[in-house]
Structure formats: structure tokens, C-alpha cells
PDB file of N, CA and C in Angstrom:
ATOM      1  N   MET A   1      17.236  11.743  19.491  1.00  0.00           N
ATOM      2  CA  MET A   1      15.951  11.795  18.700  1.00  0.00           C
ATOM      3  C   MET A   1      15.180  13.389  19.538  1.00  0.00           C
ATOM      4  N   LEU A   2      15.163  14.145  18.252  1.00  0.00           N
ATOM      5  CA  LEU A   2      14.626  15.598  18.244  1.00  0.00           C
ATOM      6  C   LEU A   2      12.672  15.449  19.120  1.00  0.00           C
ATOM      7  N   LYS A   3      12.337  16.154  19.447  1.00  0.00           N
ATOM      8  CA  LYS A   3      11.359  16.417  20.322  1.00  0.00           C
ATOM      9  C   LYS A   3      10.811  17.513  20.730  1.00  0.00           C
ATOM     10  N   LYS A   4       9.293  17.125  20.096  1.00  0.00           N
ATOM     11  CA  LYS A   4       8.597  18.903  19.677  1.00  0.00           C
ATOM     12  C   LYS A   4       7.158  18.870  20.567  1.00  0.00           C
ATOM     13  N   THR A   5       6.866  19.808  20.791  1.00  0.00           N
ATOM     14  CA  THR A   5       5.957  19.637  21.818  1.00  0.00           C
ATOM     15  C   THR A   5       4.818  20.514  20.523  1.00  0.00           C
ATOM     16  N   ILE A   6       3.812  19.986  20.538  1.00  0.00           N
ATOM     17  CA  ILE A   6       2.515  21.082  19.206  1.00  0.00           C
ATOM     18  C   ILE A   6       1.417  20.758  20.113  1.00  0.00           C
ATOM     19  N   SER A   7       1.113  21.878  19.946  1.00  0.00           N
ATOM     20  CA  SER A   7      -0.059  22.172  21.516  1.00  0.00           C
ATOM     21  C   SER A   7      -1.780  21.489  20.342  1.00  0.00           C
ATOM     22  N   THR A   8      -1.889  21.307  21.232  1.00  0.00           N
ATOM     23  CA  THR A   8      -4.218  20.668  19.758  1.00  0.00           C
ATOM     24  C   THR A   8      -5.052  21.456  20.655  1.00  0.00           C
ATOM     25  N   LYS A   9      -5.852  21.300  19.937  1.00  0.00           N
ATOM     26  CA  LYS A   9      -7.127  22.728  20.626  1.00  0.00           C
ATOM     27  C   LYS A   9      -8.266  20.997  20.335  1.00  0.00           C
ATOM     28  N   PHE A  10      -8.787  21.136  21.042  1.00  0.00           N
ATOM     29  CA  PHE A  10     -10.282  20.289  21.658  1.00  0.00           C
ATOM     30  C   PHE A  10     -11.249  20.937  21.373  1.00  0.00           C
ATOM     31  N   ASP A  11     -12.577  20.554  20.909  1.00  0.00           N
ATOM     32  CA  ASP A  11     -13.350  21.368  20.333  1.00  0.00           C
ATOM     33  C   ASP A  11     -14.576  20.980  21.501  1.00  0.00           C
ATOM     34  N   ALA A  12     -15.869  21.592  21.924  1.00  0.00           N
ATOM     35  CA  ALA A  12     -16.581  21.382  23.052  1.00  0.00           C
ATOM     36  C   ALA A  12     -17.138  19.488  23.430  1.00  0.00           C
ATOM     37  N   ALA A  13     -16.907  19.158  22.148  1.00  0.00           N
ATOM     38  CA  ALA A  13     -17.563  17.448  21.981  1.00  0.00           C
ATOM     39  C   ALA A  13     -16.284  16.583  22.756  1.00  0.00           C
ATOM     40  N   ASP A  14     -15.065  16.929  21.488  1.00  0.00           N
ATOM     41  CA  ASP A  14     -14.108  15.911  22.504  1.00  0.00           C
ATOM     42  C   ASP A  14     -13.794  16.192  23.348  1.00  0.00           C
ATOM     43  N   MET A  15     -13.916  17.240  24.031  1.00  0.00           N
ATOM     44  CA  MET A  15     -13.412  17.550  25.384  1.00  0.00           C
ATOM     45  C   MET A  15     -14.131  16.319  26.630  1.00  0.00           C
ATOM     46  N   LYS A  16     -15.565  16.980  26.268  1.00  0.00           N
ATOM     47  CA  LYS A  16     -16.852  16.248  26.571  1.00  0.00           C
ATOM     48  C   LYS A  16     -16.099  14.691  27.257  1.00  0.00           C
ATOM     49  N   HIS A  17     -16.083  14.306  25.706  1.00  0.00           N
ATOM     50  CA  HIS A  17     -15.377  12.357  25.840  1.00  0.00           C
ATOM     51  C   HIS A  17     -14.039  12.382  26.359  1.00  0.00           C
ATOM     52  N   LEU A  18     -12.839  13.525  26.361  1.00  0.00           N
ATOM     53  CA  LEU A  18     -12.120  13.215  26.995  1.00  0.00           C
ATOM     54  C   LEU A  18     -12.734  13.572  28.681  1.00  0.00           C
ATOM     55  N   ASN A  19     -13.354  14.274  29.179  1.00  0.00           N
ATOM     56  CA  ASN A  19     -12.789  14.307  30.361  1.00  0.00           C
ATOM     57  C   ASN A  19     -14.224  13.122  30.739  1.00  0.00           C
ATOM     58  N   TYR A  20     -14.697  12.204  30.026  1.00  0.00           N
ATOM     59  CA  TYR A  20     -15.014  11.088  29.447  1.00  0.00           C
ATOM     60  C   TYR A  20     -14.287   9.829  30.387  1.00  0.00           C
ATOM     61  N   LEU A  21     -13.840  10.059  29.567  1.00  0.00           N
ATOM     62  CA  LEU A  21     -12.509   9.235  29.328  1.00  0.00           C
ATOM     63  C   LEU A  21     -11.635   8.853  30.424  1.00  0.00           C
ATOM     64  N   TYR A  22     -11.455  11.025  31.408  1.00  0.00           N
ATOM     65  CA  TYR A  22     -10.412  10.756  32.420  1.00  0.00           C
ATOM     66  C   TYR A  22     -11.203   9.901  33.830  1.00  0.00           C
ATOM     67  N   ALA A  23     -12.655  10.536  33.410  1.00  0.00           N
ATOM     68  CA  ALA A  23     -13.503   9.660  35.304  1.00  0.00           C
ATOM     69  C   ALA A  23     -13.495   8.114  35.101  1.00  0.00           C
ATOM     70  N   LEU A  24     -13.570   7.494  34.011  1.00  0.00           N
ATOM     71  CA  LEU A  24     -13.586   5.830  33.882  1.00  0.00           C
ATOM     72  C   LEU A  24     -12.179   5.440  34.193  1.00  0.00           C
ATOM     73  N   CYS A  25     -11.087   6.409  34.049  1.00  0.00           N
ATOM     74  CA  CYS A  25      -9.827   5.645  34.162  1.00  0.00           C
ATOM     75  C   CYS A  25      -9.784   5.925  35.571  1.00  0.00           C
ATOM     76  N   ASN A  26     -10.507   7.508  35.844  1.00  0.00           N
ATOM     77  CA  ASN A  26      -9.800   8.166  37.523  1.00  0.00           C
ATOM     78  C   ASN A  26      -8.163   8.538  37.144  1.00  0.00           C
ATOM     79  N   ARG A  27      -7.589   8.500  35.824  1.00  0.00           N
ATOM     80  CA  ARG A  27      -6.962   9.696  35.178  1.00  0.00           C
ATOM     81  C   ARG A  27      -6.463  10.753  34.892  1.00  0.00           C
ATOM     82  N   PRO A  28      -5.128  11.651  35.221  1.00  0.00           N
ATOM     83  CA  PRO A  28      -5.540  12.784  34.269  1.00  0.00           C
ATOM     84  C   PRO A  28      -5.408  12.916  32.827  1.00  0.00           C
ATOM     85  N   ALA A  29      -4.656  13.837  32.425  1.00  0.00           N
ATOM     86  CA  ALA A  29      -5.649  14.240  31.125  1.00  0.00           C
ATOM     87  C   ALA A  29      -4.388  13.658  30.457  1.00  0.00           C
ATOM     88  N   SER A  30      -2.876  13.320  31.019  1.00  0.00           N
ATOM     89  CA  SER A  30      -1.201  12.985  29.760  1.00  0.00           C
ATOM     90  C   SER A  30      -1.170  11.467  30.629  1.00  0.00           C
ATOM     91  N   TYR A  31      -1.923  10.842  31.548  1.00  0.00           N
ATOM     92  CA  TYR A  31      -2.537   9.859  31.279  1.00  0.00           C
ATOM     93  C   TYR A  31      -2.406   8.812  29.805  1.00  0.00           C
ATOM     94  N   LEU A  32      -3.790   9.543  29.805  1.00  0.00           N
ATOM     95  CA  LEU A  32      -4.804   8.831  28.183  1.00  0.00           C
ATOM     96  C   LEU A  32      -4.109  10.035  27.280  1.00  0.00           C
ATOM     97  N   LEU A  33      -3.583  11.200  26.681  1.00  0.00           N
ATOM     98  CA  LEU A  33      -2.811  11.609  25.703  1.00  0.00           C
ATOM     99  C   LEU A  33      -1.475  11.417  25.572  1.00  0.00           C
ATOM    100  N   THR A  34      -1.154  10.265  25.496  1.00  0.00           N
ATOM    101  CA  THR A  34       0.712   9.670  25.705  1.00  0.00           C
ATOM    102  C   THR A  34       0.950   9.964  24.186  1.00  0.00           C
ATOM    103  N   PRO A  35       2.121  10.041  23.875  1.00  0.00           N
ATOM    104  CA  PRO A  35       2.473   9.527  22.135  1.00  0.00           C
ATOM    105  C   PRO A  35       2.198   8.404  21.633  1.00  0.00           C
ATOM    106  N   GLU A  36       1.802   7.786  22.509  1.00  0.00           N
ATOM    107  CA  GLU A  36       0.838   6.431  21.062  1.00  0.00           C
ATOM    108  C   GLU A  36       0.004   6.756  20.320  1.00  0.00           C
ATOM    109  N   ALA A  37      -0.692   7.693  21.221  1.00  0.00           N
ATOM    110  CA  ALA A  37      -2.133   8.582  20.590  1.00  0.00           C
ATOM    111  C   ALA A  37      -2.161   8.446  19.379  1.00  0.00           C
ATOM    112  N   PRO A  38      -1.133   9.687  18.941  1.00  0.00           N
ATOM    113  CA  PRO A  38      -0.912  10.104  17.508  1.00  0.00           C
ATOM    114  C   PRO A  38       0.086   9.451  16.848  1.00  0.00           C
ATOM    115  N   ARG A  39       0.197   8.963  16.973  1.00  0.00           N
ATOM    116  CA  ARG A  39       1.625   7.722  16.861  1.00  0.00           C
ATOM    117  C   ARG A  39       0.225   6.540  15.761  1.00  0.00           C
ATOM    118  N   THR A  40      -0.637   6.347  17.166  1.00  0.00           N
ATOM    119  CA  THR A  40      -1.236   5.272  15.747  1.00  0.00           C
ATOM    120  C   THR A  40      -1.704   5.812  14.629  1.00  0.00           C
ATOM    121  N   TYR A  41      -2.324   7.297  15.768  1.00  0.00           N
ATOM    122  CA  TYR A  41      -2.928   8.083  13.799  1.00  0.00           C
ATOM    123  C   TYR A  41      -2.639   8.232  13.082  1.00  0.00           C
ATOM    124  N   LEU A  42      -0.863   8.649  13.529  1.00  0.00           N
ATOM    125  CA  LEU A  42       0.073   8.905  12.194  1.00  0.00           C
ATOM    126  C   LEU A  42      -0.099   7.487  11.598  1.00  0.00           C
ATOM    127  N   ASP A  43       0.599   6.483  11.357  1.00  0.00           N
ATOM    128  CA  ASP A  43       0.486   5.103  11.340  1.00  0.00           C
ATOM    129  C   ASP A  43      -0.714   5.099  10.246  1.00  0.00           C
ATOM    130  N   THR A  44      -1.802   4.970  11.298  1.00  0.00           N
ATOM    131  CA  THR A  44      -3.202   4.451  10.440  1.00  0.00           C
ATOM    132  C   THR A  44      -3.359   5.514   8.681  1.00  0.00           C
ATOM    133  N   GLN A  45      -3.265   7.056   9.147  1.00  0.00           N
ATOM    134  CA  GLN A  45      -3.440   7.836   7.706  1.00  0.00           C
ATOM    135  C   GLN A  45      -2.615   7.180   7.080  1.00  0.00           C
ATOM    136  N   THR A  46      -1.307   7.054   7.196  1.00  0.00           N
ATOM    137  CA  THR A  46      -0.038   6.191   6.693  1.00  0.00           C
ATOM    138  C   THR A  46      -0.663   5.411   5.048  1.00  0.00           C
ATOM    139  N   LYS A  47      -1.014   4.603   6.457  1.00  0.00           N
ATOM    140  CA  LYS A  47      -1.081   2.809   5.300  1.00  0.00           C
ATOM    141  C   LYS A  47      -2.783   3.402   4.866  1.00  0.00           C
ATOM    142  N   LYS A  48      -3.690   4.351   5.055  1.00  0.00           N
ATOM    143  CA  LYS A  48      -4.954   4.319   4.759  1.00  0.00           C
ATOM    144  C   LYS A  48      -4.789   5.058   3.391  1.00  0.00           C
ATOM    145  N   LEU A  49      -3.075   6.169   3.132  1.00  0.00           N
ATOM    146  CA  LEU A  49      -3.091   6.955   2.082  1.00  0.00           C
ATOM    147  C   LEU A  49      -2.738   5.521   1.465  1.00  0.00           C
ATOM    148  N   GLU A  50      -1.613   5.095   1.616  1.00  0.00           N
ATOM    149  CA  GLU A  50      -0.445   4.243   1.020  1.00  0.00           C
ATOM    150  C   GLU A  50      -1.868   2.966   0.433  1.00  0.00           C
ATOM    151  N   PHE A  51      -2.825   2.598   1.111  1.00  0.00           N
ATOM    152  CA  PHE A  51      -3.535   1.648   0.129  1.00  0.00           C
ATOM    153  C   PHE A  51      -3.994   2.809  -1.021  1.00  0.00           C
ATOM    154  N   MET A  52      -5.318   4.048  -0.680  1.00  0.00           N
ATOM    155  CA  MET A  52      -5.920   4.883  -1.530  1.00  0.00           C
ATOM    156  C   MET A  52      -4.442   4.690  -2.821  1.00  0.00           C
ATOM    157  N   GLU A  53      -2.805   4.970  -2.610  1.00  0.00           N
ATOM    158  CA  GLU A  53      -2.456   5.000  -3.531  1.00  0.00           C
ATOM    159  C   GLU A  53      -2.174   3.941  -5.225  1.00  0.00           C
ATOM    160  N   GLY A  54      -2.171   2.680  -4.197  1.00  0.00           N
ATOM    161  CA  GLY A  54      -2.773   1.303  -4.574  1.00  0.00           C
ATOM    162  C   GLY A  54      -3.943   1.362  -5.306  1.00  0.00           C
ATOM    163  N   VAL A  55      -5.015   1.878  -4.889  1.00  0.00           N
ATOM    164  CA  VAL A  55      -6.419   1.617  -5.387  1.00  0.00           C
ATOM    165  C   VAL A  55      -6.251   2.727  -6.825  1.00  0.00           C
ATOM    166  N   ARG A  56      -4.858   4.022  -6.702  1.00  0.00           N
ATOM    167  CA  ARG A  56      -4.803   4.244  -8.239  1.00  0.00           C
ATOM    168  C   ARG A  56      -4.367   4.363  -8.908  1.00  0.00           C
ATOM    169  N   THR A  57      -3.110   3.881  -8.453  1.00  0.00           N
ATOM    170  CA  THR A  57      -2.990   2.395  -9.044  1.00  0.00           C
ATOM    171  C   THR A  57      -3.743   1.315 -10.383  1.00  0.00           C
ATOM    172  N   ALA A  58      -3.962   0.454  -9.420  1.00  0.00           N
ATOM    173  CA  ALA A  58      -4.871  -0.538  -9.650  1.00  0.00           C
ATOM    174  C   ALA A  58      -6.241  -0.151 -10.456  1.00  0.00           C
ATOM    175  N   ALA A  59      -6.861   1.068 -10.923  1.00  0.00           N
ATOM    176  CA  ALA A  59      -7.161   1.747 -11.761  1.00  0.00           C
ATOM    177  C   ALA A  59      -6.711   2.350 -13.015  1.00  0.00           C
ATOM    178  N   ASN A  60      -5.615   2.695 -12.877  1.00  0.00           N
ATOM    179  CA  ASN A  60      -5.647   3.705 -14.327  1.00  0.00           C
ATOM    180  C   ASN A  60      -4.969   2.363 -14.978  1.00  0.00           C
ATOM    181  N   ASN A  61      -4.007   1.464 -14.117  1.00  0.00           N
ATOM    182  CA  ASN A  61      -3.581   0.415 -14.569  1.00  0.00           C
ATOM    183  C   ASN A  61      -4.608  -0.436 -15.429  1.00  0.00           C
ATOM    184  N   LEU A  62      -5.712  -0.465 -14.867  1.00  0.00           N
ATOM    185  CA  LEU A  62      -7.360  -1.407 -15.575  1.00  0.00           C
ATOM    186  C   LEU A  62      -7.275  -0.307 -16.954  1.00  0.00           C
ATOM    187  N   LYS A  63      -7.984   0.891 -16.493  1.00  0.00           N
ATOM    188  CA  LYS A  63      -7.984   1.779 -17.649  1.00  0.00           C
ATOM    189  C   LYS A  63      -7.035   1.683 -19.099  1.00  0.00           C
ATOM    190  N   GLN A  64      -6.114   0.621 -18.920  1.00  0.00           N
ATOM    191  CA  GLN A  64      -4.549   1.415 -19.360  1.00  0.00           C
ATOM    192  C   GLN A  64      -4.491  -0.124 -20.396  1.00  0.00           C
ATOM    193  N   THR A  65      -4.935  -1.294 -19.764  1.00  0.00           N
ATOM    194  CA  THR A  65      -4.779  -2.938 -20.151  1.00  0.00           C
ATOM    195  C   THR A  65      -5.840  -3.346 -20.462  1.00  0.00           C
ATOM    196  N   GLY A  66      -7.224  -3.350 -18.994  1.00  0.00           N
ATOM    197  CA  GLY A  66      -8.179  -3.777 -19.431  1.00  0.00           C
ATOM    198  C   GLY A  66      -8.276  -5.302 -18.680  1.00  0.00           C
ATOM    199  N   LEU A  67      -7.095  -5.535 -18.097  1.00  0.00           N
ATOM    200  CA  LEU A  67      -6.539  -6.290 -17.380  1.00  0.00           C
ATOM    201  C   LEU A  67      -7.835  -6.290 -15.615  1.00  0.00           C
ATOM    202  N   HIS A  68      -8.135  -7.441 -15.788  1.00  0.00           N
ATOM    203  CA  HIS A  68      -8.873  -7.632 -14.149  1.00  0.00           C
ATOM    204  C   HIS A  68      -9.200  -9.210 -13.915  1.00  0.00           C
ATOM    205  N   CYS A  69      -9.383  -9.215 -12.725  1.00  0.00           N
ATOM    206  CA  CYS A  69     -10.323 -10.718 -12.442  1.00  0.00           C
ATOM    207  C   CYS A  69     -11.241 -10.590 -11.510  1.00  0.00           C
ATOM    208  N   ASP A  70     -12.235 -10.669 -12.233  1.00  0.00           N
ATOM    209  CA  ASP A  70     -13.634 -10.328 -11.604  1.00  0.00           C
ATOM    210  C   ASP A  70     -13.912 -10.931 -10.600  1.00  0.00           C
ATOM    211  N   HIS A  71     -14.859 -10.756  -9.361  1.00  0.00           N
ATOM    212  CA  HIS A  71     -14.939 -10.664  -8.050  1.00  0.00           C
ATOM    213  C   HIS A  71     -15.640 -11.828  -7.766  1.00  0.00           C
ATOM    214  N   SER A  72     -15.627 -12.630  -8.538  1.00  0.00           N
ATOM    215  CA  SER A  72     -16.273 -13.988  -7.780  1.00  0.00           C
ATOM    216  C   SER A  72     -14.235 -14.520  -7.898  1.00  0.00           C
ATOM    217  N   GLU A  73     -13.913 -14.540  -8.689  1.00  0.00           N
ATOM    218  CA  GLU A  73     -12.576 -15.204  -8.920  1.00  0.00           C
ATOM    219  C   GLU A  73     -11.502 -14.686  -7.938  1.00  0.00           C
ATOM    220  N   ALA A  74     -11.980 -13.593  -7.636  1.00  0.00           N
ATOM    221  CA  ALA A  74     -11.019 -12.426  -6.216  1.00  0.00           C
ATOM    222  C   ALA A  74     -11.593 -13.377  -5.067  1.00  0.00           C
ATOM    223  N   SER A  75     -12.678 -13.750  -4.759  1.00  0.00           N
ATOM    224  CA  SER A  75     -13.269 -13.926  -3.520  1.00  0.00           C
ATOM    225  C   SER A  75     -13.390 -15.778  -3.196  1.00  0.00           C
ATOM    226  N   CYS A  76     -13.558 -16.052  -4.727  1.00  0.00           N
ATOM    227  CA  CYS A  76     -12.509 -17.378  -4.429  1.00  0.00           C
ATOM    228  C   CYS A  76     -10.756 -17.771  -4.082  1.00  0.00           C
ATOM    229  N   TRP A  77     -10.321 -16.601  -4.403  1.00  0.00           N
ATOM    230  CA  TRP A  77      -9.074 -17.177  -4.115  1.00  0.00           C
ATOM    231  C   TRP A  77      -8.656 -15.984  -2.634  1.00  0.00           C
ATOM    232  N   LEU A  78      -9.366 -15.131  -2.178  1.00  0.00           N
ATOM    233  CA  LEU A  78      -9.290 -15.176  -0.897  1.00  0.00           C
ATOM    234  C   LEU A  78     -10.175 -15.906   0.141  1.00  0.00           C
ATOM    235  N   GLN A  79     -10.934 -16.555  -0.559  1.00  0.00           N
ATOM    236  CA  GLN A  79     -11.477 -17.716   0.479  1.00  0.00           C
ATOM    237  C   GLN A  79     -11.170 -18.812   0.883  1.00  0.00           C
ATOM    238  N   SER A  80      -9.686 -18.885  -0.427  1.00  0.00           N
ATOM    239  CA  SER A  80      -9.196 -20.163  -0.132  1.00  0.00           C
ATOM    240  C   SER A  80      -8.266 -20.429   1.303  1.00  0.00           C
ATOM    241  N   LEU A  81      -7.328 -18.513   1.050  1.00  0.00           N
ATOM    242  CA  LEU A  81      -6.798 -18.263   1.992  1.00  0.00           C
ATOM    243  C   LEU A  81      -6.690 -17.986   3.700  1.00  0.00           C
ATOM    244  N   ALA A  82      -8.516 -17.966   2.920  1.00  0.00           N
ATOM    245  CA  ALA A  82      -9.504 -17.953   4.165  1.00  0.00           C
ATOM    246  C   ALA A  82      -8.944 -18.924   5.530  1.00  0.00           C
ATOM    247  N   ASN A  83      -9.068 -20.132   4.404  1.00  0.00           N
ATOM    248  CA  ASN A  83      -9.294 -21.464   5.209  1.00  0.00           C
ATOM    249  C   ASN A  83      -8.463 -21.943   4.854  1.00  0.00           C
ATOM    250  N   GLY A  84      -6.567 -21.270   5.148  1.00  0.00           N
ATOM    251  CA  GLY A  84      -5.657 -21.566   5.186  1.00  0.00           C
ATOM    252  C   GLY A  84      -4.429 -23.009   3.600  1.00  0.00           C
ATOM    253  N   GLN A  85      -5.551 -22.459   2.589  1.00  0.00           N
ATOM    254  CA  GLN A  85      -4.843 -22.742   1.345  1.00  0.00           C
ATOM    255  C   GLN A  85      -3.742 -22.049   0.931  1.00  0.00           C
ATOM    256  N   ILE A  86      -2.607 -22.458   0.475  1.00  0.00           N
ATOM    257  CA  ILE A  86      -1.653 -21.499  -0.634  1.00  0.00           C
ATOM    258  C   ILE A  86      -2.230 -21.905  -2.487  1.00  0.00           C
ATOM    259  N   ILE A  87      -2.819 -20.702  -2.565  1.00  0.00           N
ATOM    260  CA  ILE A  87      -3.027 -21.030  -4.253  1.00  0.00           C
ATOM    261  C   ILE A  87      -2.328 -19.636  -5.322  1.00  0.00           C
ATOM    262  N   GLU A  88      -2.724 -19.930  -6.295  1.00  0.00           N
ATOM    263  CA  GLU A  88      -1.976 -18.733  -7.236  1.00  0.00           C
ATOM    264  C   GLU A  88      -3.235 -17.627  -7.406  1.00  0.00           C
ATOM    265  N   LEU A  89      -2.631 -16.570  -7.138  1.00  0.00           N
ATOM    266  CA  LEU A  89      -3.271 -15.540  -7.768  1.00  0.00           C
ATOM    267  C   LEU A  89      -4.701 -15.750  -9.067  1.00  0.00           C
ATOM    268  N   PRO A  90      -5.900 -15.390  -8.883  1.00  0.00           N
ATOM    269  CA  PRO A  90      -6.411 -15.536  -9.852  1.00  0.00           C
ATOM    270  C   PRO A  90      -5.668 -14.605 -11.328  1.00  0.00           C
ATOM    271  N   LYS A  91      -6.119 -15.362 -11.855  1.00  0.00           N
ATOM    272  CA  LYS A  91      -5.020 -15.160 -13.625  1.00  0.00           C
ATOM    273  C   LYS A  91      -5.859 -14.058 -14.082  1.00  0.00           C
ATOM    274  N   CYS A  92      -5.562 -12.486 -14.708  1.00  0.00           N
ATOM    275  CA  CYS A  92      -5.850 -11.547 -15.315  1.00  0.00           C
ATOM    276  C   CYS A  92      -6.545 -11.285 -16.860  1.00  0.00           C
ATOM    277  N   HIS A  93      -7.596 -11.362 -17.038  1.00  0.00           N
ATOM    278  CA  HIS A  93      -8.268 -11.165 -18.651  1.00  0.00           C
ATOM    279  C   HIS A  93      -8.444  -9.843 -18.927  1.00  0.00           C
ATOM    280  N   LYS A  94      -9.210  -9.947 -19.959  1.00  0.00           N
ATOM    281  CA  LYS A  94      -9.807  -8.426 -20.954  1.00  0.00           C
ATOM    282  C   LYS A  94     -11.547  -8.702 -20.930  1.00  0.00           C
TER     283      LYS A  94
END
């Protein structure tokens, strides 16, 4: 796996926050700024963008077909899932 170093600039507020964390952990910066931090950020941003793309797709589908389920139908379905019941998705309608 190719590894590359990327420099990062922190503003004063971020540096203050990092220094506070360093003091709490009594650890050096390298302890807090591990490869996991950007990996977590990248994973989060990827999921966010994928979700937004799904929202765009759903909105375009609604515009084209007019098919939808209303809030109470979706809420009832989600509540049943939360209660451990597996039921069919609500039927879409115009």
C-alpha cells in the first residue's frame, strides 16, 4: 500500500482544541492525530454524500412518477422495525 504524507494547517481555534486534548491525554500530537482520524472523516463524508445522492434520486423519482408514501405510513413502518417486527414497506401511491 502506497503511503503519502499530507500536511495539514490548523487555525488558532483548532490548535487550542488540540492543545487542550493533549493536556487531557498527557500525550503528544502524534497520539491524537493518527491515521484513524482522517479515515473516519473520509468514511463519514462518503456516507453523507452517498445518502445525499440517494435523496436526489428519490426526489427526482417523486417528480417523475408522483409515487410516494406519507409521513404517517413511513413512521408506522419504522416504529414496527424498532419494535422488532418485520413488515412490508408501505406501498407507494399518488
